[in-house]
Amino acid sequence: MLTLIEELNLINIPPLRKCGEILKKNERLKTYFYKLQIAKPCNSNEDALGLINSILVEVEDCHSGLSAKKMPGLKYSGRMYPVQDDFIIRENGKIIARSKGNEIIIENDGDFVIFDRYTREIIISKIK
């Protein structure tokens, strides 16, 4: 069985797909991580959290084929959602955020690392 990183490495991005084209979850994840990687660096942890969440919403709006639910709950419905407020910890100038499969560590200066929660592999590291 492949790890998430191994699965994502099998998906060729770029080219980015046209908005409206429905993609499988791992294709959307790969698109999401690619867009995060090429995005302009952030200068604060709050800006980085905003970037992380807004790019996910953008990718899901374009490629999931599903409308966002106001209260999505914890059960996977086919669409990924930004980190919920009750899974965000702000301490010592850092933000630690947890989603279903990832842990995100955001430094005060906007640098961040996203880990796979289960394997602890680094999925993306965006450091200036």
N, C-alpha and C. Protein backbone atom coordinates (compact mmCIF):
# COMPACT_ATOMS: atom_id res chain seq x y z
N MET A 1 0.85 -1.18 0.00
CA MET A 1 0.00 0.00 0.00
C MET A 1 0.89 1.24 0.00
N LEU A 2 0.56 2.20 -0.85
CA LEU A 2 1.34 3.42 -0.98
C LEU A 2 0.98 4.42 0.11
N THR A 3 1.97 5.21 0.53
CA THR A 3 1.68 6.32 1.44
C THR A 3 1.06 7.45 0.63
N LEU A 4 0.51 8.42 1.32
CA LEU A 4 -0.08 9.58 0.64
C LEU A 4 0.94 10.26 -0.25
N ILE A 5 2.14 10.44 0.25
CA ILE A 5 3.20 11.10 -0.53
C ILE A 5 3.49 10.31 -1.80
N GLU A 6 3.59 9.00 -1.69
CA GLU A 6 3.86 8.17 -2.86
C GLU A 6 2.72 8.26 -3.88
N GLU A 7 1.48 8.26 -3.39
CA GLU A 7 0.33 8.40 -4.28
C GLU A 7 0.34 9.75 -4.99
N LEU A 8 0.61 10.81 -4.24
CA LEU A 8 0.62 12.15 -4.83
C LEU A 8 1.74 12.29 -5.85
N ASN A 9 2.85 11.65 -5.61
CA ASN A 9 3.97 11.73 -6.55
C ASN A 9 3.66 11.09 -7.90
N LEU A 10 2.65 10.26 -7.96
CA LEU A 10 2.25 9.63 -9.22
C LEU A 10 1.37 10.54 -10.09
N ILE A 11 0.89 11.63 -9.50
CA ILE A 11 -0.01 12.54 -10.21
C ILE A 11 0.81 13.70 -10.79
N ASN A 12 0.68 13.92 -12.09
CA ASN A 12 1.42 14.98 -12.76
C ASN A 12 0.69 16.32 -12.65
N ILE A 13 1.30 17.24 -11.95
CA ILE A 13 0.80 18.62 -11.84
C ILE A 13 2.04 19.49 -11.90
N PRO A 14 2.18 20.54 -12.64
CA PRO A 14 1.20 20.99 -13.62
C PRO A 14 1.11 20.05 -14.81
N PRO A 15 0.25 20.23 -15.74
CA PRO A 15 -0.59 21.43 -15.89
C PRO A 15 -1.79 21.40 -14.94
N LEU A 16 -2.20 22.58 -14.53
CA LEU A 16 -3.40 22.70 -13.71
C LEU A 16 -4.61 22.49 -14.60
N ARG A 17 -5.62 21.89 -14.05
CA ARG A 17 -6.85 21.62 -14.80
C ARG A 17 -7.76 22.84 -14.79
N LYS A 18 -8.57 22.93 -15.82
CA LYS A 18 -9.51 24.03 -15.95
C LYS A 18 -10.57 23.93 -14.86
N CYS A 19 -10.92 25.07 -14.27
CA CYS A 19 -11.96 25.10 -13.24
C CYS A 19 -13.25 24.53 -13.83
N GLY A 20 -13.88 23.66 -13.07
CA GLY A 20 -15.09 22.99 -13.52
C GLY A 20 -14.85 21.54 -13.87
N GLU A 21 -13.59 21.19 -14.11
CA GLU A 21 -13.25 19.79 -14.38
C GLU A 21 -13.20 19.05 -13.05
N ILE A 22 -13.98 18.00 -12.91
CA ILE A 22 -14.04 17.24 -11.67
C ILE A 22 -12.80 16.36 -11.55
N LEU A 23 -12.16 16.43 -10.39
CA LEU A 23 -10.95 15.65 -10.13
C LEU A 23 -11.18 14.72 -8.95
N LYS A 24 -10.45 13.62 -8.94
CA LYS A 24 -10.47 12.71 -7.79
C LYS A 24 -9.83 13.42 -6.60
N LYS A 25 -10.09 12.91 -5.41
CA LYS A 25 -9.59 13.55 -4.19
C LYS A 25 -8.07 13.73 -4.22
N ASN A 26 -7.32 12.70 -4.57
CA ASN A 26 -5.86 12.83 -4.57
C ASN A 26 -5.38 13.81 -5.65
N GLU A 27 -6.10 13.92 -6.75
CA GLU A 27 -5.75 14.91 -7.76
C GLU A 27 -6.00 16.32 -7.23
N ARG A 28 -7.08 16.47 -6.47
CA ARG A 28 -7.36 17.78 -5.85
C ARG A 28 -6.32 18.10 -4.80
N LEU A 29 -5.92 17.10 -4.01
CA LEU A 29 -4.87 17.33 -3.02
C LEU A 29 -3.57 17.76 -3.69
N LYS A 30 -3.21 17.09 -4.75
CA LYS A 30 -1.97 17.43 -5.46
C LYS A 30 -2.06 18.86 -6.00
N THR A 31 -3.21 19.22 -6.57
CA THR A 31 -3.42 20.57 -7.06
C THR A 31 -3.30 21.58 -5.92
N TYR A 32 -3.92 21.26 -4.80
CA TYR A 32 -3.88 22.11 -3.61
C TYR A 32 -2.45 22.34 -3.13
N PHE A 33 -1.69 21.28 -2.97
CA PHE A 33 -0.31 21.42 -2.49
C PHE A 33 0.56 22.16 -3.50
N TYR A 34 0.31 21.93 -4.77
CA TYR A 34 1.06 22.65 -5.81
C TYR A 34 0.76 24.15 -5.73
N LYS A 35 -0.52 24.50 -5.62
CA LYS A 35 -0.89 25.92 -5.54
C LYS A 35 -0.33 26.58 -4.28
N LEU A 36 -0.29 25.83 -3.18
CA LEU A 36 0.34 26.37 -1.97
C LEU A 36 1.82 26.63 -2.20
N GLN A 37 2.47 25.69 -2.87
CA GLN A 37 3.91 25.81 -3.09
C GLN A 37 4.26 27.02 -3.95
N ILE A 38 3.44 27.31 -4.95
CA ILE A 38 3.76 28.42 -5.86
C ILE A 38 3.19 29.76 -5.39
N ALA A 39 2.39 29.75 -4.34
CA ALA A 39 1.80 30.99 -3.82
C ALA A 39 2.88 31.88 -3.22
N LYS A 40 2.61 33.17 -3.23
CA LYS A 40 3.52 34.14 -2.63
C LYS A 40 3.66 33.82 -1.14
N PRO A 41 4.89 33.89 -0.60
CA PRO A 41 5.08 33.62 0.83
C PRO A 41 4.28 34.60 1.70
N CYS A 42 3.89 34.13 2.85
CA CYS A 42 3.14 34.97 3.80
C CYS A 42 4.10 35.55 4.83
N ASN A 43 3.68 36.66 5.42
CA ASN A 43 4.52 37.33 6.41
C ASN A 43 4.04 37.16 7.85
N SER A 44 2.92 36.47 8.02
CA SER A 44 2.42 36.22 9.38
C SER A 44 1.72 34.87 9.42
N ASN A 45 1.57 34.36 10.62
CA ASN A 45 0.91 33.07 10.75
C ASN A 45 -0.57 33.14 10.37
N GLU A 46 -1.23 34.24 10.68
CA GLU A 46 -2.65 34.38 10.32
C GLU A 46 -2.82 34.46 8.80
N ASP A 47 -1.91 35.17 8.13
CA ASP A 47 -1.96 35.22 6.66
C ASP A 47 -1.74 33.83 6.06
N ALA A 48 -0.82 33.08 6.64
CA ALA A 48 -0.54 31.73 6.14
C ALA A 48 -1.75 30.82 6.33
N LEU A 49 -2.39 30.90 7.49
CA LEU A 49 -3.60 30.10 7.73
C LEU A 49 -4.69 30.49 6.73
N GLY A 50 -4.83 31.78 6.48
CA GLY A 50 -5.80 32.23 5.49
C GLY A 50 -5.50 31.69 4.11
N LEU A 51 -4.23 31.69 3.73
CA LEU A 51 -3.82 31.14 2.44
C LEU A 51 -4.12 29.65 2.35
N ILE A 52 -3.74 28.92 3.38
CA ILE A 52 -3.96 27.47 3.42
C ILE A 52 -5.44 27.15 3.25
N ASN A 53 -6.28 27.87 3.96
CA ASN A 53 -7.72 27.62 3.88
C ASN A 53 -8.33 28.11 2.57
N SER A 54 -7.94 29.29 2.11
CA SER A 54 -8.57 29.84 0.90
C SER A 54 -8.21 29.04 -0.35
N ILE A 55 -6.98 28.56 -0.43
CA ILE A 55 -6.61 27.75 -1.60
C ILE A 55 -7.37 26.43 -1.60
N LEU A 56 -7.57 25.84 -0.42
CA LEU A 56 -8.35 24.60 -0.37
C LEU A 56 -9.79 24.85 -0.85
N VAL A 57 -10.39 25.91 -0.38
CA VAL A 57 -11.76 26.24 -0.82
C VAL A 57 -11.79 26.46 -2.33
N GLU A 58 -10.82 27.18 -2.85
CA GLU A 58 -10.75 27.44 -4.29
C GLU A 58 -10.66 26.13 -5.08
N VAL A 59 -9.78 25.24 -4.67
CA VAL A 59 -9.62 23.96 -5.37
C VAL A 59 -10.90 23.14 -5.28
N GLU A 60 -11.49 23.08 -4.11
CA GLU A 60 -12.71 22.29 -3.94
C GLU A 60 -13.89 22.89 -4.70
N ASP A 61 -14.01 24.23 -4.70
CA ASP A 61 -15.07 24.87 -5.47
C ASP A 61 -14.94 24.56 -6.96
N CYS A 62 -13.72 24.52 -7.45
CA CYS A 62 -13.48 24.28 -8.87
C CYS A 62 -13.56 22.80 -9.26
N HIS A 63 -13.10 21.92 -8.39
CA HIS A 63 -12.86 20.55 -8.85
C HIS A 63 -13.56 19.42 -8.10
N SER A 64 -14.28 19.72 -7.01
CA SER A 64 -14.93 18.62 -6.29
C SER A 64 -16.29 18.26 -6.89
N GLY A 65 -16.94 19.24 -7.51
CA GLY A 65 -18.28 19.00 -8.04
C GLY A 65 -19.36 19.05 -6.98
N LEU A 66 -18.98 19.42 -5.76
CA LEU A 66 -19.93 19.46 -4.65
C LEU A 66 -19.97 20.85 -4.05
N SER A 67 -21.16 21.28 -3.67
CA SER A 67 -21.29 22.57 -2.99
C SER A 67 -20.84 22.42 -1.55
N ALA A 68 -20.31 23.50 -1.01
CA ALA A 68 -19.88 23.49 0.39
C ALA A 68 -21.09 23.46 1.30
N LYS A 69 -20.98 22.71 2.38
CA LYS A 69 -22.02 22.68 3.41
C LYS A 69 -21.62 23.64 4.52
N LYS A 70 -22.60 24.30 5.09
CA LYS A 70 -22.32 25.25 6.17
C LYS A 70 -21.72 24.54 7.39
N MET A 71 -22.27 23.40 7.74
CA MET A 71 -21.79 22.60 8.87
C MET A 71 -21.47 21.20 8.34
N PRO A 72 -20.25 20.99 7.83
CA PRO A 72 -19.95 19.73 7.15
C PRO A 72 -19.86 18.50 8.05
N GLY A 73 -19.60 18.68 9.32
CA GLY A 73 -19.44 17.52 10.20
C GLY A 73 -18.11 16.83 9.95
N LEU A 74 -17.92 15.70 10.57
CA LEU A 74 -16.64 15.00 10.49
C LEU A 74 -16.61 13.90 9.45
N LYS A 75 -17.77 13.45 9.00
CA LYS A 75 -17.81 12.36 8.02
C LYS A 75 -17.49 12.91 6.63
N TYR A 76 -16.59 12.22 5.93
CA TYR A 76 -16.19 12.66 4.58
C TYR A 76 -17.37 12.53 3.63
N SER A 77 -17.65 13.63 2.92
CA SER A 77 -18.79 13.68 2.01
C SER A 77 -18.37 13.78 0.55
N GLY A 78 -17.07 13.72 0.30
CA GLY A 78 -16.58 13.88 -1.06
C GLY A 78 -15.93 15.23 -1.30
N ARG A 79 -16.07 16.13 -0.35
CA ARG A 79 -15.48 17.46 -0.45
C ARG A 79 -14.60 17.69 0.78
N MET A 80 -13.44 18.30 0.56
CA MET A 80 -12.55 18.64 1.67
C MET A 80 -12.87 20.06 2.14
N TYR A 81 -12.67 20.29 3.42
CA TYR A 81 -12.98 21.59 4.03
C TYR A 81 -11.76 22.17 4.73
N PRO A 82 -11.74 23.50 4.87
CA PRO A 82 -10.64 24.13 5.60
C PRO A 82 -10.62 23.67 7.06
N VAL A 83 -9.52 23.94 7.71
CA VAL A 83 -9.39 23.60 9.12
C VAL A 83 -10.47 24.36 9.90
N GLN A 84 -11.18 23.64 10.74
CA GLN A 84 -12.23 24.24 11.55
C GLN A 84 -11.61 24.93 12.77
N ASP A 85 -12.25 26.00 13.22
CA ASP A 85 -11.71 26.80 14.33
C ASP A 85 -11.42 25.99 15.59
N ASP A 86 -12.25 24.99 15.86
CA ASP A 86 -12.03 24.22 17.09
C ASP A 86 -10.86 23.23 16.98
N PHE A 87 -10.20 23.19 15.82
CA PHE A 87 -9.01 22.37 15.64
C PHE A 87 -7.77 23.23 15.39
N ILE A 88 -7.84 24.48 15.85
CA ILE A 88 -6.72 25.42 15.70
C ILE A 88 -6.27 25.86 17.09
N ILE A 89 -4.98 25.73 17.33
CA ILE A 89 -4.39 26.17 18.60
C ILE A 89 -3.40 27.29 18.28
N ARG A 90 -3.51 28.38 19.01
CA ARG A 90 -2.57 29.49 18.87
C ARG A 90 -1.79 29.59 20.17
N GLU A 91 -0.47 29.37 20.08
CA GLU A 91 0.36 29.46 21.28
C GLU A 91 1.80 29.80 20.92
N ASN A 92 2.40 30.63 21.75
CA ASN A 92 3.81 31.02 21.59
C ASN A 92 4.14 31.50 20.18
N GLY A 93 3.23 32.25 19.57
CA GLY A 93 3.47 32.80 18.25
C GLY A 93 3.27 31.82 17.11
N LYS A 94 2.88 30.60 17.42
CA LYS A 94 2.65 29.58 16.40
C LYS A 94 1.16 29.29 16.29
N ILE A 95 0.81 28.76 15.14
CA ILE A 95 -0.53 28.19 14.97
C ILE A 95 -0.34 26.72 14.66
N ILE A 96 -1.06 25.89 15.39
CA ILE A 96 -1.07 24.45 15.12
C ILE A 96 -2.50 24.11 14.74
N ALA A 97 -2.66 23.58 13.55
CA ALA A 97 -4.00 23.28 13.04
C ALA A 97 -4.05 21.82 12.62
N ARG A 98 -5.18 21.19 12.91
CA ARG A 98 -5.36 19.79 12.54
C ARG A 98 -6.59 19.64 11.66
N SER A 99 -6.38 18.92 10.57
CA SER A 99 -7.50 18.53 9.73
C SER A 99 -7.61 17.02 9.84
N LYS A 100 -8.50 16.44 9.08
CA LYS A 100 -8.71 14.99 9.19
C LYS A 100 -7.41 14.21 8.99
N GLY A 101 -6.61 14.59 8.00
CA GLY A 101 -5.41 13.82 7.71
C GLY A 101 -4.10 14.54 7.91
N ASN A 102 -4.16 15.84 8.21
CA ASN A 102 -2.93 16.63 8.27
C ASN A 102 -2.79 17.39 9.57
N GLU A 103 -1.54 17.67 9.90
CA GLU A 103 -1.23 18.61 10.97
C GLU A 103 -0.42 19.72 10.34
N ILE A 104 -0.78 20.94 10.66
CA ILE A 104 -0.13 22.11 10.06
C ILE A 104 0.51 22.92 11.18
N ILE A 105 1.79 23.18 11.03
CA ILE A 105 2.52 24.02 11.99
C ILE A 105 2.89 25.30 11.25
N ILE A 106 2.39 26.42 11.76
CA ILE A 106 2.65 27.72 11.12
C ILE A 106 3.42 28.59 12.10
N GLU A 107 4.57 29.03 11.68
CA GLU A 107 5.40 29.90 12.51
C GLU A 107 4.88 31.33 12.46
N ASN A 108 5.30 32.14 13.41
CA ASN A 108 4.86 33.53 13.50
C ASN A 108 5.14 34.32 12.23
N ASP A 109 6.24 33.98 11.53
CA ASP A 109 6.62 34.73 10.32
C ASP A 109 5.91 34.25 9.05
N GLY A 110 5.01 33.27 9.18
CA GLY A 110 4.25 32.79 8.03
C GLY A 110 4.79 31.52 7.40
N ASP A 111 5.98 31.09 7.79
CA ASP A 111 6.51 29.81 7.29
C ASP A 111 5.64 28.69 7.84
N PHE A 112 5.46 27.63 7.04
CA PHE A 112 4.65 26.52 7.54
C PHE A 112 5.09 25.18 6.97
N VAL A 113 4.70 24.14 7.70
CA VAL A 113 4.93 22.77 7.29
C VAL A 113 3.62 22.02 7.48
N ILE A 114 3.27 21.21 6.49
CA ILE A 114 2.09 20.36 6.59
C ILE A 114 2.57 18.91 6.62
N PHE A 115 2.17 18.21 7.68
CA PHE A 115 2.55 16.81 7.88
C PHE A 115 1.34 15.91 7.66
N ASP A 116 1.59 14.69 7.23
CA ASP A 116 0.58 13.65 7.27
C ASP A 116 0.44 13.26 8.75
N ARG A 117 -0.77 13.31 9.29
CA ARG A 117 -0.98 13.03 10.71
C ARG A 117 -0.64 11.60 11.10
N TYR A 118 -0.72 10.69 10.16
CA TYR A 118 -0.54 9.29 10.50
C TYR A 118 0.89 8.81 10.30
N THR A 119 1.53 9.25 9.22
CA THR A 119 2.90 8.79 8.95
C THR A 119 3.94 9.80 9.42
N ARG A 120 3.51 11.03 9.71
CA ARG A 120 4.38 12.14 10.11
C ARG A 120 5.30 12.59 8.97
N GLU A 121 5.03 12.14 7.76
CA GLU A 121 5.80 12.60 6.60
C GLU A 121 5.47 14.06 6.32
N ILE A 122 6.47 14.81 5.89
CA ILE A 122 6.22 16.18 5.47
C ILE A 122 5.62 16.14 4.07
N ILE A 123 4.46 16.76 3.93
CA ILE A 123 3.79 16.83 2.63
C ILE A 123 4.26 18.07 1.89
N ILE A 124 4.30 19.18 2.60
CA ILE A 124 4.77 20.43 2.01
C ILE A 124 5.42 21.27 3.09
N SER A 125 6.49 21.93 2.72
CA SER A 125 7.19 22.84 3.61
C SER A 125 7.36 24.15 2.84
N LYS A 126 6.80 25.22 3.37
CA LYS A 126 6.92 26.52 2.71
C LYS A 126 7.65 27.45 3.66
N ILE A 127 8.94 27.59 3.40
CA ILE A 127 9.82 28.38 4.26
C ILE A 127 10.56 29.39 3.40
N LYS A 128 10.54 30.62 3.84
CA LYS A 128 11.21 31.69 3.08
C LYS A 128 12.72 31.53 3.16
